[in-house]
Amino acid sequence: MAKIVIAGDAVVVTSAMKLEELRDIKKYRPAALVLKGGEDGKEPIFAINVTNGNGDINQYGASFGAATRDDKKLATITLVAPGVEGDIKEFVADKLGSALINLNKLEETLPGVVQSIAAEKAQVMGAISVAQ
């Protein structure tokens, strides 16, 4: 589940997924990064992307551009919210609430995708030999 930390004017969204895992999914299973819904369940309603820089998030998707500085290396988005008057938590909930709900729904499905990619990659690597 994604989490948000507010420090001063910085709003940091931290994914439950590692940045490198998201890169692998984007490379090998890009369709897994799209949450679908609508009447027929086939309409894209939210997507995750990997980019450079601070990243961004809105009602249509989240673009992660950095990783946490600890050993976990979870994907992060850093936003700036200058001049917010009143309750900053209320402001962030209003601005990012629906995006976070969809992000969490999509992230629930991704650990299985990561495992599947790792298993298939191991199988392929096992079939490769290097001649001397």
N, C-alpha and C. Protein backbone atom coordinates (compact mmCIF):
# COMPACT_ATOMS: atom_id res chain seq x y z
N MET A 1 0.84 -1.17 0.00
CA MET A 1 0.00 0.00 0.00
C MET A 1 0.89 1.24 0.00
N ALA A 2 0.60 2.17 -0.89
CA ALA A 2 1.36 3.42 -0.97
C ALA A 2 1.12 4.25 0.28
N LYS A 3 2.14 5.01 0.65
CA LYS A 3 2.06 5.86 1.83
C LYS A 3 2.49 7.27 1.46
N ILE A 4 2.01 8.24 2.24
CA ILE A 4 2.37 9.64 2.01
C ILE A 4 2.99 10.20 3.27
N VAL A 5 4.11 10.92 3.08
CA VAL A 5 4.76 11.63 4.17
C VAL A 5 4.84 13.10 3.76
N ILE A 6 4.46 13.97 4.68
CA ILE A 6 4.52 15.40 4.42
C ILE A 6 5.59 15.99 5.34
N ALA A 7 6.53 16.71 4.73
CA ALA A 7 7.59 17.38 5.49
C ALA A 7 7.72 18.79 4.93
N GLY A 8 7.28 19.77 5.70
CA GLY A 8 7.27 21.13 5.19
C GLY A 8 6.33 21.22 4.00
N ASP A 9 6.84 21.73 2.88
CA ASP A 9 6.04 21.82 1.66
C ASP A 9 6.20 20.61 0.75
N ALA A 10 7.00 19.64 1.16
CA ALA A 10 7.21 18.44 0.35
C ALA A 10 6.18 17.37 0.69
N VAL A 11 5.61 16.79 -0.35
CA VAL A 11 4.66 15.69 -0.21
C VAL A 11 5.28 14.51 -0.96
N VAL A 12 5.64 13.48 -0.21
CA VAL A 12 6.31 12.32 -0.82
C VAL A 12 5.37 11.12 -0.80
N VAL A 13 5.08 10.61 -1.99
CA VAL A 13 4.28 9.40 -2.15
C VAL A 13 5.25 8.25 -2.33
N THR A 14 5.17 7.27 -1.45
CA THR A 14 6.07 6.11 -1.52
C THR A 14 5.26 4.87 -1.87
N SER A 15 5.65 4.24 -2.94
CA SER A 15 4.98 3.03 -3.42
C SER A 15 5.32 1.84 -2.52
N ALA A 16 4.51 0.82 -2.61
CA ALA A 16 4.81 -0.45 -1.94
C ALA A 16 5.80 -1.26 -2.78
N MET A 17 6.04 -0.80 -4.01
CA MET A 17 6.91 -1.53 -4.95
C MET A 17 8.26 -0.85 -5.06
N LYS A 18 9.29 -1.63 -5.34
CA LYS A 18 10.61 -1.07 -5.59
C LYS A 18 10.61 -0.43 -6.99
N LEU A 19 11.40 0.61 -7.13
CA LEU A 19 11.49 1.27 -8.43
C LEU A 19 11.98 0.30 -9.50
N GLU A 20 12.93 -0.54 -9.16
CA GLU A 20 13.45 -1.51 -10.12
C GLU A 20 12.38 -2.53 -10.52
N GLU A 21 11.52 -2.92 -9.59
CA GLU A 21 10.43 -3.84 -9.92
C GLU A 21 9.47 -3.19 -10.92
N LEU A 22 9.16 -1.92 -10.71
CA LEU A 22 8.29 -1.22 -11.65
C LEU A 22 8.94 -1.11 -13.02
N ARG A 23 10.24 -0.90 -13.06
CA ARG A 23 10.95 -0.87 -14.35
C ARG A 23 10.85 -2.22 -15.06
N ASP A 24 11.02 -3.30 -14.31
CA ASP A 24 10.91 -4.64 -14.91
C ASP A 24 9.51 -4.90 -15.44
N ILE A 25 8.51 -4.52 -14.68
CA ILE A 25 7.13 -4.71 -15.14
C ILE A 25 6.88 -3.89 -16.39
N LYS A 26 7.36 -2.65 -16.40
CA LYS A 26 7.18 -1.80 -17.58
C LYS A 26 7.85 -2.43 -18.80
N LYS A 27 9.00 -3.07 -18.60
CA LYS A 27 9.74 -3.68 -19.69
C LYS A 27 9.08 -4.97 -20.19
N TYR A 28 8.67 -5.84 -19.27
CA TYR A 28 8.19 -7.17 -19.65
C TYR A 28 6.67 -7.33 -19.66
N ARG A 29 5.94 -6.57 -18.86
CA ARG A 29 4.49 -6.69 -18.79
C ARG A 29 3.83 -5.31 -18.64
N PRO A 30 4.00 -4.41 -19.60
CA PRO A 30 3.47 -3.05 -19.44
C PRO A 30 1.96 -2.99 -19.21
N ALA A 31 1.23 -3.94 -19.75
CA ALA A 31 -0.22 -3.94 -19.55
C ALA A 31 -0.61 -4.15 -18.09
N ALA A 32 0.29 -4.75 -17.30
CA ALA A 32 0.01 -4.99 -15.88
C ALA A 32 0.04 -3.69 -15.08
N LEU A 33 0.57 -2.62 -15.66
CA LEU A 33 0.63 -1.34 -14.98
C LEU A 33 -0.59 -0.46 -15.27
N VAL A 34 -1.60 -1.04 -15.87
CA VAL A 34 -2.82 -0.29 -16.20
C VAL A 34 -4.00 -0.91 -15.46
N LEU A 35 -4.68 -0.06 -14.68
CA LEU A 35 -5.90 -0.46 -13.98
C LEU A 35 -7.07 -0.19 -14.90
N LYS A 36 -7.89 -1.20 -15.11
CA LYS A 36 -9.03 -1.05 -16.01
C LYS A 36 -10.33 -1.08 -15.23
N GLY A 37 -11.32 -0.41 -15.78
CA GLY A 37 -12.63 -0.35 -15.14
C GLY A 37 -13.66 0.07 -16.16
N GLY A 38 -14.62 0.87 -15.74
CA GLY A 38 -15.68 1.28 -16.64
C GLY A 38 -16.77 0.23 -16.70
N GLU A 39 -17.69 0.43 -17.63
CA GLU A 39 -18.84 -0.48 -17.74
C GLU A 39 -18.45 -1.90 -18.08
N ASP A 40 -17.52 -2.06 -19.01
CA ASP A 40 -17.13 -3.40 -19.44
C ASP A 40 -15.85 -3.89 -18.79
N GLY A 41 -15.27 -3.09 -17.92
CA GLY A 41 -14.04 -3.48 -17.24
C GLY A 41 -12.82 -3.48 -18.13
N LYS A 42 -12.92 -2.87 -19.32
CA LYS A 42 -11.80 -2.86 -20.25
C LYS A 42 -11.25 -1.46 -20.50
N GLU A 43 -11.86 -0.46 -19.87
CA GLU A 43 -11.43 0.92 -20.07
C GLU A 43 -10.29 1.28 -19.12
N PRO A 44 -9.15 1.75 -19.64
CA PRO A 44 -8.06 2.16 -18.76
C PRO A 44 -8.49 3.35 -17.90
N ILE A 45 -8.34 3.22 -16.58
CA ILE A 45 -8.74 4.32 -15.70
C ILE A 45 -7.57 4.88 -14.89
N PHE A 46 -6.47 4.14 -14.79
CA PHE A 46 -5.31 4.60 -14.03
C PHE A 46 -4.11 3.78 -14.47
N ALA A 47 -2.94 4.41 -14.51
CA ALA A 47 -1.73 3.70 -14.94
C ALA A 47 -0.53 4.14 -14.11
N ILE A 48 0.44 3.25 -14.02
CA ILE A 48 1.72 3.54 -13.36
C ILE A 48 2.78 3.60 -14.44
N ASN A 49 3.67 4.57 -14.29
CA ASN A 49 4.79 4.71 -15.22
C ASN A 49 6.07 4.93 -14.42
N VAL A 50 7.20 4.73 -15.08
CA VAL A 50 8.50 5.01 -14.48
C VAL A 50 9.13 6.10 -15.34
N THR A 51 9.63 7.14 -14.69
CA THR A 51 10.18 8.28 -15.39
C THR A 51 11.45 8.75 -14.69
N ASN A 52 11.97 9.86 -15.09
CA ASN A 52 13.12 10.47 -14.43
C ASN A 52 12.64 11.68 -13.64
N GLY A 53 13.39 12.07 -12.63
CA GLY A 53 13.03 13.27 -11.88
C GLY A 53 12.15 12.96 -10.68
N ASN A 54 11.33 13.94 -10.31
CA ASN A 54 10.51 13.81 -9.11
C ASN A 54 9.26 12.98 -9.29
N GLY A 55 8.82 12.79 -10.52
CA GLY A 55 7.59 12.05 -10.77
C GLY A 55 6.38 12.94 -10.60
N ASP A 56 5.19 12.35 -10.76
CA ASP A 56 3.94 13.09 -10.63
C ASP A 56 2.82 12.10 -10.42
N ILE A 57 1.72 12.59 -9.88
CA ILE A 57 0.55 11.76 -9.67
C ILE A 57 -0.69 12.63 -9.83
N ASN A 58 -1.70 12.07 -10.49
CA ASN A 58 -3.00 12.71 -10.62
C ASN A 58 -4.06 11.63 -10.77
N GLN A 59 -5.28 12.02 -11.09
CA GLN A 59 -6.38 11.05 -11.14
C GLN A 59 -6.21 10.00 -12.25
N TYR A 60 -5.32 10.25 -13.20
CA TYR A 60 -5.14 9.33 -14.32
C TYR A 60 -3.95 8.38 -14.17
N GLY A 61 -3.00 8.74 -13.29
CA GLY A 61 -1.86 7.86 -13.16
C GLY A 61 -0.78 8.40 -12.23
N ALA A 62 0.22 7.57 -12.02
CA ALA A 62 1.36 7.91 -11.18
C ALA A 62 2.64 7.59 -11.94
N SER A 63 3.55 8.56 -11.98
CA SER A 63 4.85 8.37 -12.61
C SER A 63 5.92 8.47 -11.53
N PHE A 64 6.56 7.35 -11.25
CA PHE A 64 7.59 7.30 -10.22
C PHE A 64 8.95 7.58 -10.85
N GLY A 65 9.71 8.49 -10.22
CA GLY A 65 10.98 8.88 -10.81
C GLY A 65 12.18 8.66 -9.92
N ALA A 66 11.98 8.28 -8.68
CA ALA A 66 13.11 8.12 -7.77
C ALA A 66 12.81 6.96 -6.81
N ALA A 67 13.81 6.65 -5.99
CA ALA A 67 13.66 5.58 -5.01
C ALA A 67 14.02 6.10 -3.63
N THR A 68 13.49 5.44 -2.61
CA THR A 68 13.85 5.81 -1.25
C THR A 68 15.35 5.62 -1.06
N ARG A 69 15.90 6.33 -0.11
CA ARG A 69 17.34 6.31 0.11
C ARG A 69 17.78 5.18 1.03
N ASP A 70 16.85 4.38 1.51
CA ASP A 70 17.19 3.25 2.36
C ASP A 70 17.43 2.00 1.53
N ASP A 71 17.61 0.88 2.18
CA ASP A 71 17.89 -0.37 1.48
C ASP A 71 16.69 -0.91 0.71
N LYS A 72 15.49 -0.46 1.04
CA LYS A 72 14.29 -0.97 0.36
C LYS A 72 14.18 -0.49 -1.08
N LYS A 73 14.65 0.74 -1.36
CA LYS A 73 14.63 1.32 -2.70
C LYS A 73 13.22 1.35 -3.29
N LEU A 74 12.23 1.71 -2.47
CA LEU A 74 10.86 1.81 -2.94
C LEU A 74 10.69 3.02 -3.85
N ALA A 75 9.81 2.92 -4.81
CA ALA A 75 9.58 4.00 -5.77
C ALA A 75 8.90 5.18 -5.07
N THR A 76 9.33 6.39 -5.44
CA THR A 76 8.77 7.59 -4.81
C THR A 76 8.40 8.65 -5.84
N ILE A 77 7.49 9.51 -5.42
CA ILE A 77 7.11 10.71 -6.13
C ILE A 77 7.23 11.84 -5.12
N THR A 78 7.89 12.93 -5.49
CA THR A 78 8.01 14.07 -4.60
C THR A 78 7.32 15.28 -5.23
N LEU A 79 6.31 15.76 -4.54
CA LEU A 79 5.55 16.93 -5.00
C LEU A 79 5.82 18.08 -4.04
N VAL A 80 5.59 19.28 -4.51
CA VAL A 80 5.73 20.46 -3.67
C VAL A 80 4.36 21.11 -3.55
N ALA A 81 3.98 21.44 -2.32
CA ALA A 81 2.68 22.07 -2.04
C ALA A 81 2.92 23.36 -1.27
N PRO A 82 3.43 24.40 -1.95
CA PRO A 82 3.73 25.64 -1.24
C PRO A 82 2.47 26.46 -0.94
N GLY A 83 2.51 27.16 0.15
CA GLY A 83 1.44 28.10 0.48
C GLY A 83 0.10 27.50 0.83
N VAL A 84 0.07 26.25 1.23
CA VAL A 84 -1.20 25.63 1.61
C VAL A 84 -1.64 26.20 2.94
N GLU A 85 -2.83 26.73 2.95
CA GLU A 85 -3.38 27.25 4.20
C GLU A 85 -4.36 26.22 4.75
N GLY A 86 -4.42 26.10 6.04
CA GLY A 86 -5.31 25.13 6.65
C GLY A 86 -4.62 23.80 6.83
N ASP A 87 -5.43 22.76 6.93
CA ASP A 87 -4.95 21.41 7.21
C ASP A 87 -4.31 20.80 5.96
N ILE A 88 -3.02 20.59 5.99
CA ILE A 88 -2.29 20.03 4.86
C ILE A 88 -2.75 18.61 4.54
N LYS A 89 -3.10 17.84 5.57
CA LYS A 89 -3.59 16.48 5.33
C LYS A 89 -4.90 16.52 4.54
N GLU A 90 -5.76 17.44 4.88
CA GLU A 90 -7.03 17.60 4.17
C GLU A 90 -6.78 18.00 2.71
N PHE A 91 -5.83 18.90 2.51
CA PHE A 91 -5.46 19.35 1.17
C PHE A 91 -4.97 18.17 0.33
N VAL A 92 -4.05 17.39 0.88
CA VAL A 92 -3.49 16.25 0.15
C VAL A 92 -4.58 15.20 -0.12
N ALA A 93 -5.43 14.95 0.85
CA ALA A 93 -6.52 13.98 0.65
C ALA A 93 -7.44 14.42 -0.49
N ASP A 94 -7.75 15.72 -0.54
CA ASP A 94 -8.60 16.23 -1.62
C ASP A 94 -7.92 16.12 -2.98
N LYS A 95 -6.64 16.47 -3.03
CA LYS A 95 -5.91 16.49 -4.31
C LYS A 95 -5.54 15.09 -4.81
N LEU A 96 -5.17 14.20 -3.88
CA LEU A 96 -4.61 12.91 -4.29
C LEU A 96 -5.44 11.69 -3.89
N GLY A 97 -6.54 11.90 -3.19
CA GLY A 97 -7.32 10.78 -2.67
C GLY A 97 -7.70 9.73 -3.69
N SER A 98 -8.35 10.14 -4.78
CA SER A 98 -8.79 9.15 -5.77
C SER A 98 -7.60 8.48 -6.45
N ALA A 99 -6.53 9.24 -6.67
CA ALA A 99 -5.33 8.66 -7.28
C ALA A 99 -4.73 7.60 -6.37
N LEU A 100 -4.68 7.88 -5.07
CA LEU A 100 -4.10 6.92 -4.12
C LEU A 100 -4.94 5.66 -4.01
N ILE A 101 -6.24 5.81 -4.07
CA ILE A 101 -7.11 4.63 -4.04
C ILE A 101 -6.82 3.73 -5.23
N ASN A 102 -6.75 4.32 -6.43
CA ASN A 102 -6.47 3.53 -7.63
C ASN A 102 -5.05 2.98 -7.63
N LEU A 103 -4.09 3.76 -7.14
CA LEU A 103 -2.72 3.28 -7.03
C LEU A 103 -2.66 2.05 -6.13
N ASN A 104 -3.33 2.09 -5.01
CA ASN A 104 -3.32 0.94 -4.09
C ASN A 104 -3.99 -0.28 -4.71
N LYS A 105 -5.08 -0.08 -5.44
CA LYS A 105 -5.74 -1.20 -6.13
C LYS A 105 -4.79 -1.87 -7.11
N LEU A 106 -4.10 -1.04 -7.88
CA LEU A 106 -3.18 -1.58 -8.89
C LEU A 106 -1.97 -2.24 -8.24
N GLU A 107 -1.44 -1.64 -7.19
CA GLU A 107 -0.26 -2.21 -6.52
C GLU A 107 -0.55 -3.57 -5.89
N GLU A 108 -1.78 -3.82 -5.51
CA GLU A 108 -2.14 -5.14 -4.94
C GLU A 108 -1.88 -6.27 -5.92
N THR A 109 -1.97 -5.98 -7.22
CA THR A 109 -1.81 -7.01 -8.24
C THR A 109 -0.37 -7.21 -8.67
N LEU A 110 0.51 -6.28 -8.34
CA LEU A 110 1.86 -6.29 -8.91
C LEU A 110 2.84 -7.30 -8.31
N PRO A 111 2.77 -7.65 -7.02
CA PRO A 111 3.74 -8.65 -6.53
C PRO A 111 3.67 -9.97 -7.29
N GLY A 112 2.49 -10.41 -7.67
CA GLY A 112 2.37 -11.63 -8.46
C GLY A 112 2.99 -11.50 -9.84
N VAL A 113 2.89 -10.31 -10.42
CA VAL A 113 3.50 -10.05 -11.72
C VAL A 113 5.02 -10.11 -11.60
N VAL A 114 5.56 -9.53 -10.54
CA VAL A 114 7.01 -9.56 -10.32
C VAL A 114 7.50 -11.00 -10.18
N GLN A 115 6.78 -11.80 -9.42
CA GLN A 115 7.16 -13.21 -9.24
C GLN A 115 7.11 -13.97 -10.56
N SER A 116 6.09 -13.72 -11.35
CA SER A 116 5.95 -14.38 -12.64
C SER A 116 7.09 -14.01 -13.58
N ILE A 117 7.44 -12.72 -13.62
CA ILE A 117 8.55 -12.28 -14.46
C ILE A 117 9.85 -12.94 -14.01
N ALA A 118 10.10 -12.97 -12.70
CA ALA A 118 11.33 -13.58 -12.18
C ALA A 118 11.41 -15.06 -12.52
N ALA A 119 10.30 -15.77 -12.40
CA ALA A 119 10.29 -17.20 -12.71
C ALA A 119 10.55 -17.44 -14.19
N GLU A 120 9.90 -16.67 -15.04
CA GLU A 120 10.11 -16.85 -16.48
C GLU A 120 11.53 -16.46 -16.89
N LYS A 121 12.06 -15.41 -16.29
CA LYS A 121 13.43 -15.00 -16.60
C LYS A 121 14.42 -16.07 -16.16
N ALA A 122 14.20 -16.67 -14.99
CA ALA A 122 15.07 -17.74 -14.51
C ALA A 122 15.03 -18.94 -15.45
N GLN A 123 13.85 -19.24 -15.95
CA GLN A 123 13.70 -20.36 -16.87
C GLN A 123 14.48 -20.08 -18.17
N VAL A 124 14.37 -18.88 -18.69
CA VAL A 124 15.09 -18.52 -19.90
C VAL A 124 16.60 -18.53 -19.65
N MET A 125 17.02 -17.97 -18.53
CA MET A 125 18.45 -17.93 -18.22
C MET A 125 19.02 -19.34 -18.07
N GLY A 126 18.21 -20.26 -17.53
CA GLY A 126 18.64 -21.64 -17.39
C GLY A 126 18.84 -22.35 -18.72
N ALA A 127 18.16 -21.87 -19.73
CA ALA A 127 18.26 -22.50 -21.06
C ALA A 127 19.40 -21.91 -21.88
N ILE A 128 20.08 -20.92 -21.36
CA ILE A 128 21.17 -20.28 -22.10
C ILE A 128 22.52 -20.80 -21.58
N SER A 129 23.35 -21.17 -22.53
CA SER A 129 24.72 -21.56 -22.16
C SER A 129 25.68 -20.72 -22.99
N VAL A 130 26.84 -20.51 -22.43
CA VAL A 130 27.87 -19.73 -23.09
C VAL A 130 29.01 -20.67 -23.47
N ALA A 131 29.31 -20.72 -24.76
CA ALA A 131 30.40 -21.59 -25.22
C ALA A 131 31.75 -20.94 -24.92
N GLN A 132 32.72 -21.76 -24.57
CA GLN A 132 34.06 -21.26 -24.24
C GLN A 132 34.85 -20.97 -25.47
